[in-house]
Amino acid sequence: MNRFYDIIGDCSTQLSPWELKTRGLNKDKGIFLLHDDLRFRSDIAGGDIVVPAGFLSDLASIPAAAWSVFMAPDNPHIALGAWIHDLLYSTVGKIVGADGKAVTLTRQQCDSVLCYEAMPDLDATKLQQDVVYEALRLGGESSFTTAPPDVRWKFSNIPIEHKISLGLDKL
């Protein structure tokens, strides 16, 4: 069983420098816009994680030194999983399950969702999973913040119904 469902592949567009500037984002950073809801089954989260259409991400913001393991942050062995991980980090692990129940994951659990649930489904090797996990454990703490996503990433473009479905309206 694949943990990703209702999707056949890439579902995002990298925003142009002028679009980034219009949105008040760093025009020198690669930011991607998700076109369709991305659904993922997670045992760690105890159910489905849904990244809403309209969500923005830099995908795998891994250090350049780790690129030798993947070649690029949008590599297919990590890209779809990066959407899930970025959502979890941007909500500080707080998500609302399909049953409406709020769930809070630790940073370690968020990292495990990416490395040991998503990446195996994306055919990443065990070495790739372990390298990314260790890199996240060493350098991910500063990105796992209590600042609401609207402040942290300037995600003012998330429709209010998605904020409500994610529980972001209560952060």
N, C-alpha and C. Protein backbone atom coordinates (compact mmCIF):
# COMPACT_ATOMS: atom_id res chain seq x y z
N MET A 1 0.84 -1.19 0.00
CA MET A 1 0.00 0.00 0.00
C MET A 1 0.88 1.25 0.00
N ASN A 2 0.58 2.16 -0.88
CA ASN A 2 1.30 3.42 -0.94
C ASN A 2 0.67 4.39 0.07
N ARG A 3 1.51 5.11 0.80
CA ARG A 3 1.01 6.06 1.80
C ARG A 3 0.47 7.33 1.13
N PHE A 4 1.02 7.69 -0.03
CA PHE A 4 0.50 8.83 -0.79
C PHE A 4 -0.68 8.32 -1.62
N TYR A 5 -1.76 9.08 -1.68
CA TYR A 5 -2.88 8.64 -2.50
C TYR A 5 -3.59 9.83 -3.12
N ASP A 6 -4.38 9.55 -4.15
CA ASP A 6 -5.10 10.56 -4.93
C ASP A 6 -4.16 11.50 -5.65
N ILE A 7 -2.99 11.00 -6.04
CA ILE A 7 -2.02 11.84 -6.75
C ILE A 7 -1.18 10.95 -7.66
N ILE A 8 -0.84 11.46 -8.84
CA ILE A 8 -0.05 10.64 -9.76
C ILE A 8 1.39 11.12 -9.90
N GLY A 9 1.71 12.27 -9.35
CA GLY A 9 3.07 12.77 -9.47
C GLY A 9 3.16 14.21 -9.02
N ASP A 10 4.06 14.94 -9.67
CA ASP A 10 4.30 16.33 -9.30
C ASP A 10 3.01 17.14 -9.36
N CYS A 11 2.78 17.91 -8.35
CA CYS A 11 1.54 18.67 -8.26
C CYS A 11 1.83 20.12 -7.85
N SER A 12 3.00 20.61 -8.28
CA SER A 12 3.40 21.95 -7.85
C SER A 12 4.10 22.70 -8.98
N THR A 13 4.24 23.99 -8.77
CA THR A 13 4.95 24.86 -9.69
C THR A 13 5.93 25.69 -8.88
N GLN A 14 7.14 25.83 -9.40
CA GLN A 14 8.08 26.74 -8.76
C GLN A 14 7.69 28.16 -9.15
N LEU A 15 7.56 29.02 -8.16
CA LEU A 15 7.15 30.40 -8.40
C LEU A 15 8.30 31.20 -9.01
N SER A 16 7.96 32.08 -9.92
CA SER A 16 8.95 32.94 -10.58
C SER A 16 9.44 34.01 -9.60
N PRO A 17 10.59 34.61 -9.88
CA PRO A 17 11.08 35.69 -9.01
C PRO A 17 10.08 36.84 -8.87
N TRP A 18 9.39 37.19 -9.96
CA TRP A 18 8.45 38.30 -9.87
C TRP A 18 7.22 37.93 -9.04
N GLU A 19 6.81 36.66 -9.09
CA GLU A 19 5.69 36.23 -8.26
C GLU A 19 6.09 36.20 -6.78
N LEU A 20 7.31 35.76 -6.51
CA LEU A 20 7.80 35.77 -5.14
C LEU A 20 7.83 37.20 -4.60
N LYS A 21 8.31 38.12 -5.42
CA LYS A 21 8.38 39.53 -5.01
C LYS A 21 6.97 40.06 -4.74
N THR A 22 6.01 39.72 -5.60
CA THR A 22 4.62 40.15 -5.42
C THR A 22 4.06 39.65 -4.10
N ARG A 23 4.43 38.44 -3.72
CA ARG A 23 3.93 37.84 -2.48
C ARG A 23 4.75 38.24 -1.26
N GLY A 24 5.79 39.06 -1.46
CA GLY A 24 6.61 39.50 -0.34
C GLY A 24 7.57 38.45 0.15
N LEU A 25 7.92 37.50 -0.71
CA LEU A 25 8.84 36.42 -0.34
C LEU A 25 10.20 36.66 -0.96
N ASN A 26 11.22 36.01 -0.43
CA ASN A 26 12.59 36.14 -0.93
C ASN A 26 12.63 35.66 -2.37
N LYS A 27 12.95 36.57 -3.29
CA LYS A 27 12.96 36.21 -4.71
C LYS A 27 14.16 35.36 -5.11
N ASP A 28 15.11 35.20 -4.21
CA ASP A 28 16.28 34.39 -4.49
C ASP A 28 16.15 32.96 -3.97
N LYS A 29 15.01 32.63 -3.42
CA LYS A 29 14.79 31.30 -2.85
C LYS A 29 13.77 30.54 -3.70
N GLY A 30 14.00 29.27 -3.93
CA GLY A 30 13.05 28.45 -4.67
C GLY A 30 11.85 28.12 -3.81
N ILE A 31 10.70 28.66 -4.17
CA ILE A 31 9.46 28.40 -3.45
C ILE A 31 8.46 27.79 -4.43
N PHE A 32 7.78 26.75 -3.98
CA PHE A 32 6.85 26.02 -4.82
C PHE A 32 5.43 26.18 -4.30
N LEU A 33 4.47 26.19 -5.23
CA LEU A 33 3.05 26.31 -4.92
C LEU A 33 2.38 24.97 -5.21
N LEU A 34 1.69 24.42 -4.21
CA LEU A 34 0.98 23.15 -4.35
C LEU A 34 -0.36 23.40 -5.04
N HIS A 35 -0.65 22.66 -6.12
CA HIS A 35 -1.88 22.86 -6.89
C HIS A 35 -3.06 22.05 -6.37
N ASP A 36 -2.79 20.87 -5.86
CA ASP A 36 -3.84 19.97 -5.40
C ASP A 36 -3.55 19.54 -3.96
N ASP A 37 -4.60 19.21 -3.23
CA ASP A 37 -4.39 18.65 -1.90
C ASP A 37 -3.49 17.42 -2.02
N LEU A 38 -2.55 17.29 -1.10
CA LEU A 38 -1.65 16.14 -1.07
C LEU A 38 -2.01 15.31 0.16
N ARG A 39 -2.42 14.07 -0.07
CA ARG A 39 -2.89 13.20 1.00
C ARG A 39 -1.87 12.11 1.30
N PHE A 40 -1.68 11.87 2.60
CA PHE A 40 -0.66 10.92 3.03
C PHE A 40 -1.15 10.18 4.26
N ARG A 41 -1.03 8.86 4.24
CA ARG A 41 -1.41 8.02 5.40
C ARG A 41 -0.20 7.87 6.31
N SER A 42 -0.34 8.20 7.57
CA SER A 42 0.77 8.13 8.52
C SER A 42 0.38 7.33 9.76
N ASP A 43 1.16 6.29 10.02
CA ASP A 43 0.96 5.55 11.27
C ASP A 43 1.40 6.39 12.46
N ILE A 44 2.47 7.15 12.27
CA ILE A 44 3.00 7.99 13.36
C ILE A 44 1.98 9.04 13.78
N ALA A 45 1.33 9.66 12.80
CA ALA A 45 0.32 10.69 13.10
C ALA A 45 -1.03 10.07 13.44
N GLY A 46 -1.16 8.78 13.23
CA GLY A 46 -2.41 8.11 13.57
C GLY A 46 -3.53 8.35 12.57
N GLY A 47 -3.18 8.65 11.33
CA GLY A 47 -4.21 8.87 10.30
C GLY A 47 -3.64 9.65 9.13
N ASP A 48 -4.54 10.28 8.41
CA ASP A 48 -4.14 11.01 7.21
C ASP A 48 -3.61 12.40 7.54
N ILE A 49 -2.62 12.80 6.78
CA ILE A 49 -2.11 14.18 6.80
C ILE A 49 -2.45 14.75 5.43
N VAL A 50 -3.08 15.91 5.40
CA VAL A 50 -3.45 16.54 4.13
C VAL A 50 -2.78 17.91 4.05
N VAL A 51 -1.95 18.07 3.03
CA VAL A 51 -1.36 19.38 2.75
C VAL A 51 -2.30 20.06 1.76
N PRO A 52 -2.84 21.22 2.10
CA PRO A 52 -3.86 21.83 1.24
C PRO A 52 -3.29 22.48 -0.01
N ALA A 53 -4.07 22.43 -1.07
CA ALA A 53 -3.73 23.19 -2.28
C ALA A 53 -3.53 24.65 -1.87
N GLY A 54 -2.56 25.29 -2.47
CA GLY A 54 -2.25 26.68 -2.12
C GLY A 54 -1.11 26.80 -1.14
N PHE A 55 -0.70 25.69 -0.54
CA PHE A 55 0.41 25.70 0.42
C PHE A 55 1.71 26.01 -0.32
N LEU A 56 2.58 26.77 0.31
CA LEU A 56 3.89 27.10 -0.26
C LEU A 56 4.97 26.38 0.50
N SER A 57 6.01 25.96 -0.22
CA SER A 57 7.12 25.24 0.40
C SER A 57 8.40 25.50 -0.35
N ASP A 58 9.51 25.39 0.37
CA ASP A 58 10.81 25.40 -0.30
C ASP A 58 11.27 23.97 -0.56
N LEU A 59 10.36 23.03 -0.35
CA LEU A 59 10.62 21.60 -0.45
C LEU A 59 11.70 21.23 0.54
N ALA A 60 12.67 20.47 0.13
CA ALA A 60 13.67 19.98 1.08
C ALA A 60 14.75 21.02 1.26
N SER A 61 14.63 21.80 2.31
CA SER A 61 15.63 22.84 2.57
C SER A 61 16.83 22.25 3.30
N ILE A 62 17.38 21.21 2.69
CA ILE A 62 18.53 20.53 3.27
C ILE A 62 19.80 21.28 2.90
N PRO A 63 20.82 21.22 3.74
CA PRO A 63 22.07 21.90 3.44
C PRO A 63 22.67 21.40 2.12
N ALA A 64 23.32 22.29 1.40
CA ALA A 64 23.91 21.94 0.11
C ALA A 64 24.86 20.74 0.22
N ALA A 65 25.52 20.59 1.36
CA ALA A 65 26.45 19.48 1.55
C ALA A 65 25.73 18.13 1.46
N ALA A 66 24.46 18.10 1.82
CA ALA A 66 23.70 16.85 1.77
C ALA A 66 23.13 16.58 0.38
N TRP A 67 23.24 17.55 -0.53
CA TRP A 67 22.72 17.36 -1.87
C TRP A 67 23.40 16.20 -2.59
N SER A 68 24.62 15.88 -2.20
CA SER A 68 25.32 14.78 -2.87
C SER A 68 24.57 13.46 -2.69
N VAL A 69 23.72 13.39 -1.68
CA VAL A 69 22.93 12.20 -1.46
C VAL A 69 21.72 12.18 -2.41
N PHE A 70 21.21 13.37 -2.76
CA PHE A 70 20.01 13.48 -3.59
C PHE A 70 20.22 14.18 -4.92
N MET A 71 21.16 15.05 -5.02
CA MET A 71 21.42 15.90 -6.17
C MET A 71 20.67 17.23 -6.08
N ALA A 72 19.44 17.25 -5.58
CA ALA A 72 18.70 18.51 -5.48
C ALA A 72 17.53 18.33 -4.51
N PRO A 73 17.06 19.44 -3.91
CA PRO A 73 15.96 19.35 -2.97
C PRO A 73 14.65 18.87 -3.59
N ASP A 74 14.51 18.98 -4.92
CA ASP A 74 13.26 18.53 -5.55
C ASP A 74 13.40 17.12 -6.14
N ASN A 75 14.38 16.37 -5.68
CA ASN A 75 14.59 15.00 -6.12
C ASN A 75 13.35 14.17 -5.80
N PRO A 76 12.95 13.25 -6.69
CA PRO A 76 11.74 12.48 -6.46
C PRO A 76 11.78 11.56 -5.24
N HIS A 77 12.96 11.30 -4.68
CA HIS A 77 13.05 10.45 -3.50
C HIS A 77 12.69 11.20 -2.21
N ILE A 78 12.48 12.53 -2.32
CA ILE A 78 12.16 13.31 -1.13
C ILE A 78 11.07 14.36 -1.37
N ALA A 79 10.87 14.81 -2.60
CA ALA A 79 10.04 15.99 -2.87
C ALA A 79 8.62 15.89 -2.31
N LEU A 80 7.87 14.84 -2.62
CA LEU A 80 6.51 14.75 -2.10
C LEU A 80 6.50 14.67 -0.57
N GLY A 81 7.48 13.96 -0.01
CA GLY A 81 7.58 13.88 1.45
C GLY A 81 7.92 15.23 2.07
N ALA A 82 8.66 16.06 1.33
CA ALA A 82 9.02 17.38 1.84
C ALA A 82 7.78 18.24 2.07
N TRP A 83 6.75 18.08 1.22
CA TRP A 83 5.50 18.83 1.42
C TRP A 83 4.89 18.47 2.78
N ILE A 84 4.86 17.18 3.07
CA ILE A 84 4.29 16.71 4.34
C ILE A 84 5.10 17.28 5.51
N HIS A 85 6.42 17.15 5.40
CA HIS A 85 7.31 17.61 6.47
C HIS A 85 7.22 19.11 6.67
N ASP A 86 7.17 19.88 5.58
CA ASP A 86 7.07 21.33 5.71
C ASP A 86 5.75 21.74 6.37
N LEU A 87 4.66 21.04 6.04
CA LEU A 87 3.40 21.33 6.72
C LEU A 87 3.55 21.07 8.21
N LEU A 88 4.11 19.91 8.56
CA LEU A 88 4.26 19.56 9.98
C LEU A 88 5.14 20.56 10.72
N TYR A 89 6.25 20.97 10.10
CA TYR A 89 7.13 21.94 10.76
C TYR A 89 6.45 23.30 10.86
N SER A 90 5.70 23.71 9.82
CA SER A 90 5.09 25.04 9.84
C SER A 90 3.94 25.13 10.83
N THR A 91 3.43 23.98 11.25
CA THR A 91 2.36 23.98 12.26
C THR A 91 2.89 23.50 13.62
N VAL A 92 4.21 23.38 13.74
CA VAL A 92 4.87 22.91 14.95
C VAL A 92 4.27 21.56 15.37
N GLY A 93 4.00 20.72 14.36
CA GLY A 93 3.50 19.38 14.62
C GLY A 93 2.02 19.29 14.91
N LYS A 94 1.31 20.42 14.89
CA LYS A 94 -0.12 20.41 15.21
C LYS A 94 -0.93 20.22 13.92
N ILE A 95 -1.70 19.14 13.89
CA ILE A 95 -2.56 18.88 12.74
C ILE A 95 -3.92 18.42 13.24
N VAL A 96 -4.90 18.48 12.36
CA VAL A 96 -6.23 17.99 12.66
C VAL A 96 -6.46 16.79 11.76
N GLY A 97 -6.75 15.65 12.37
CA GLY A 97 -6.97 14.42 11.62
C GLY A 97 -8.29 14.44 10.87
N ALA A 98 -8.47 13.44 10.01
CA ALA A 98 -9.70 13.32 9.24
C ALA A 98 -10.93 13.19 10.14
N ASP A 99 -10.72 12.67 11.35
CA ASP A 99 -11.82 12.51 12.30
C ASP A 99 -12.11 13.80 13.08
N GLY A 100 -11.34 14.88 12.77
CA GLY A 100 -11.54 16.15 13.44
C GLY A 100 -10.78 16.29 14.74
N LYS A 101 -10.07 15.23 15.13
CA LYS A 101 -9.31 15.25 16.38
C LYS A 101 -7.94 15.90 16.17
N ALA A 102 -7.59 16.81 17.08
CA ALA A 102 -6.29 17.47 17.01
C ALA A 102 -5.19 16.52 17.45
N VAL A 103 -4.09 16.55 16.75
CA VAL A 103 -2.92 15.72 17.05
C VAL A 103 -1.71 16.64 17.09
N THR A 104 -0.83 16.43 18.05
CA THR A 104 0.41 17.19 18.11
C THR A 104 1.57 16.20 18.08
N LEU A 105 2.42 16.34 17.08
CA LEU A 105 3.59 15.50 16.93
C LEU A 105 4.83 16.25 17.41
N THR A 106 5.76 15.52 17.97
CA THR A 106 7.05 16.12 18.35
C THR A 106 7.87 16.36 17.09
N ARG A 107 8.91 17.13 17.19
CA ARG A 107 9.80 17.36 16.05
C ARG A 107 10.39 16.04 15.58
N GLN A 108 10.77 15.19 16.51
CA GLN A 108 11.33 13.89 16.16
C GLN A 108 10.31 13.05 15.38
N GLN A 109 9.06 13.09 15.79
CA GLN A 109 8.02 12.36 15.06
C GLN A 109 7.83 12.94 13.66
N CYS A 110 7.86 14.28 13.54
CA CYS A 110 7.74 14.91 12.23
C CYS A 110 8.87 14.46 11.31
N ASP A 111 10.09 14.40 11.85
CA ASP A 111 11.24 13.95 11.06
C ASP A 111 11.09 12.48 10.67
N SER A 112 10.54 11.68 11.56
CA SER A 112 10.33 10.25 11.27
C SER A 112 9.26 10.04 10.21
N VAL A 113 8.23 10.89 10.20
CA VAL A 113 7.20 10.79 9.16
C VAL A 113 7.86 10.95 7.79
N LEU A 114 8.72 11.95 7.65
CA LEU A 114 9.40 12.16 6.37
C LEU A 114 10.34 11.00 6.05
N CYS A 115 11.25 10.72 6.96
CA CYS A 115 12.35 9.81 6.65
C CYS A 115 11.96 8.34 6.64
N TYR A 116 11.07 7.95 7.52
CA TYR A 116 10.80 6.52 7.68
C TYR A 116 9.40 6.10 7.27
N GLU A 117 8.57 7.05 6.84
CA GLU A 117 7.28 6.71 6.24
C GLU A 117 7.22 7.19 4.78
N ALA A 118 7.47 8.48 4.55
CA ALA A 118 7.35 9.03 3.19
C ALA A 118 8.49 8.58 2.27
N MET A 119 9.71 8.73 2.72
CA MET A 119 10.85 8.44 1.84
C MET A 119 10.91 6.99 1.38
N PRO A 120 10.58 6.00 2.22
CA PRO A 120 10.55 4.62 1.70
C PRO A 120 9.53 4.45 0.57
N ASP A 121 8.38 5.12 0.67
CA ASP A 121 7.38 5.06 -0.40
C ASP A 121 7.89 5.71 -1.68
N LEU A 122 8.84 6.61 -1.55
CA LEU A 122 9.41 7.31 -2.71
C LEU A 122 10.69 6.63 -3.19
N ASP A 123 10.90 5.41 -2.73
CA ASP A 123 12.05 4.57 -3.14
C ASP A 123 13.41 5.14 -2.74
N ALA A 124 13.45 5.92 -1.68
CA ALA A 124 14.74 6.38 -1.17
C ALA A 124 15.45 5.20 -0.51
N THR A 125 16.75 5.20 -0.62
CA THR A 125 17.53 4.13 0.02
C THR A 125 17.55 4.35 1.53
N LYS A 126 17.89 3.32 2.26
CA LYS A 126 18.02 3.43 3.72
C LYS A 126 19.09 4.47 4.06
N LEU A 127 20.17 4.52 3.30
CA LEU A 127 21.22 5.52 3.53
C LEU A 127 20.66 6.92 3.36
N GLN A 128 19.87 7.16 2.30
CA GLN A 128 19.28 8.48 2.09
C GLN A 128 18.35 8.85 3.25
N GLN A 129 17.55 7.90 3.69
CA GLN A 129 16.63 8.14 4.80
C GLN A 129 17.41 8.53 6.06
N ASP A 130 18.45 7.77 6.35
CA ASP A 130 19.23 8.01 7.57
C ASP A 130 20.00 9.33 7.51
N VAL A 131 20.55 9.67 6.34
CA VAL A 131 21.30 10.93 6.20
C VAL A 131 20.36 12.12 6.40
N VAL A 132 19.19 12.07 5.78
CA VAL A 132 18.23 13.17 5.94
C VAL A 132 17.76 13.26 7.39
N TYR A 133 17.49 12.12 8.00
CA TYR A 133 17.05 12.13 9.39
C TYR A 133 18.10 12.77 10.29
N GLU A 134 19.34 12.38 10.15
CA GLU A 134 20.41 12.95 10.98
C GLU A 134 20.59 14.44 10.70
N ALA A 135 20.49 14.83 9.43
CA ALA A 135 20.61 16.26 9.08
C ALA A 135 19.49 17.06 9.74
N LEU A 136 18.28 16.51 9.73
CA LEU A 136 17.15 17.19 10.37
C LEU A 136 17.34 17.28 11.88
N ARG A 137 17.82 16.22 12.47
CA ARG A 137 18.03 16.21 13.92
C ARG A 137 19.10 17.23 14.31
N LEU A 138 20.11 17.39 13.46
CA LEU A 138 21.19 18.33 13.76
C LEU A 138 20.83 19.78 13.45
N GLY A 139 20.10 20.01 12.34
CA GLY A 139 19.90 21.39 11.91
C GLY A 139 18.47 21.85 11.74
N GLY A 140 17.50 21.02 12.08
CA GLY A 140 16.11 21.39 11.82
C GLY A 140 15.41 22.18 12.91
N GLU A 141 16.02 22.25 14.08
CA GLU A 141 15.33 22.86 15.22
C GLU A 141 14.90 24.30 14.97
N SER A 142 15.73 25.07 14.28
CA SER A 142 15.39 26.49 14.07
C SER A 142 14.17 26.66 13.16
N SER A 143 13.85 25.67 12.37
CA SER A 143 12.69 25.75 11.49
C SER A 143 11.41 25.25 12.15
N PHE A 144 11.54 24.57 13.27
CA PHE A 144 10.39 24.05 14.02
C PHE A 144 10.06 25.09 15.07
N THR A 145 9.28 26.10 14.67
CA THR A 145 9.06 27.24 15.55
C THR A 145 7.61 27.35 15.97
N THR A 146 7.38 28.16 16.98
CA THR A 146 6.03 28.40 17.45
C THR A 146 5.38 29.56 16.71
N ALA A 147 6.10 30.22 15.82
CA ALA A 147 5.50 31.31 15.04
C ALA A 147 4.45 30.72 14.10
N PRO A 148 3.28 31.33 14.04
CA PRO A 148 2.27 30.84 13.11
C PRO A 148 2.80 30.87 11.67
N PRO A 149 2.31 29.96 10.82
CA PRO A 149 2.79 29.92 9.44
C PRO A 149 2.63 31.24 8.70
N ASP A 150 1.55 32.00 8.98
CA ASP A 150 1.37 33.27 8.30
C ASP A 150 2.55 34.21 8.57
N VAL A 151 3.11 34.14 9.77
CA VAL A 151 4.24 34.99 10.13
C VAL A 151 5.54 34.38 9.63
N ARG A 152 5.71 33.10 9.89
CA ARG A 152 6.96 32.41 9.57
C ARG A 152 7.25 32.39 8.07
N TRP A 153 6.26 32.07 7.27
CA TRP A 153 6.47 31.92 5.83
C TRP A 153 5.71 32.95 5.01
N LYS A 154 4.94 33.81 5.68
CA LYS A 154 4.07 34.76 4.97
C LYS A 154 3.08 34.00 4.09
N PHE A 155 2.47 32.97 4.65
CA PHE A 155 1.49 32.17 3.91
C PHE A 155 0.12 32.82 3.99
N SER A 156 0.03 34.07 3.63
CA SER A 156 -1.26 34.75 3.70
C SER A 156 -2.19 34.28 2.60
N ASN A 157 -1.66 33.50 1.65
CA ASN A 157 -2.49 33.05 0.54
C ASN A 157 -3.24 31.76 0.84
N ILE A 158 -3.11 31.20 2.03
CA ILE A 158 -3.88 29.99 2.35
C ILE A 158 -5.32 30.42 2.60
N PRO A 159 -6.25 29.88 1.83
CA PRO A 159 -7.66 30.23 2.05
C PRO A 159 -8.08 29.89 3.48
N ILE A 160 -8.98 30.68 4.04
CA ILE A 160 -9.39 30.50 5.43
C ILE A 160 -9.97 29.11 5.68
N GLU A 161 -10.66 28.53 4.67
CA GLU A 161 -11.22 27.20 4.89
C GLU A 161 -10.11 26.16 5.08
N HIS A 162 -8.96 26.34 4.43
CA HIS A 162 -7.83 25.43 4.64
C HIS A 162 -7.20 25.68 6.01
N LYS A 163 -7.11 26.95 6.41
CA LYS A 163 -6.58 27.25 7.75
C LYS A 163 -7.46 26.59 8.81
N ILE A 164 -8.75 26.66 8.64
CA ILE A 164 -9.68 26.07 9.60
C ILE A 164 -9.52 24.55 9.58
N SER A 165 -9.44 23.95 8.39
CA SER A 165 -9.34 22.48 8.31
C SER A 165 -8.04 21.98 8.91
N LEU A 166 -7.00 22.80 8.87
CA LEU A 166 -5.72 22.43 9.47
C LEU A 166 -5.62 22.83 10.93
N GLY A 167 -6.58 23.61 11.40
CA GLY A 167 -6.52 24.08 12.77
C GLY A 167 -5.59 25.26 12.93
N LEU A 168 -5.17 25.87 11.80
CA LEU A 168 -4.23 26.99 11.89
C LEU A 168 -4.89 28.27 12.37
N ASP A 169 -6.21 28.32 12.28
CA ASP A 169 -6.91 29.51 12.75
C ASP A 169 -6.87 29.63 14.27
N LYS A 170 -6.44 28.55 14.95
CA LYS A 170 -6.39 28.55 16.41
C LYS A 170 -4.98 28.74 16.95
N LEU A 171 -4.00 28.79 16.06
CA LEU A 171 -2.60 28.93 16.52
C LEU A 171 -2.33 30.33 17.00
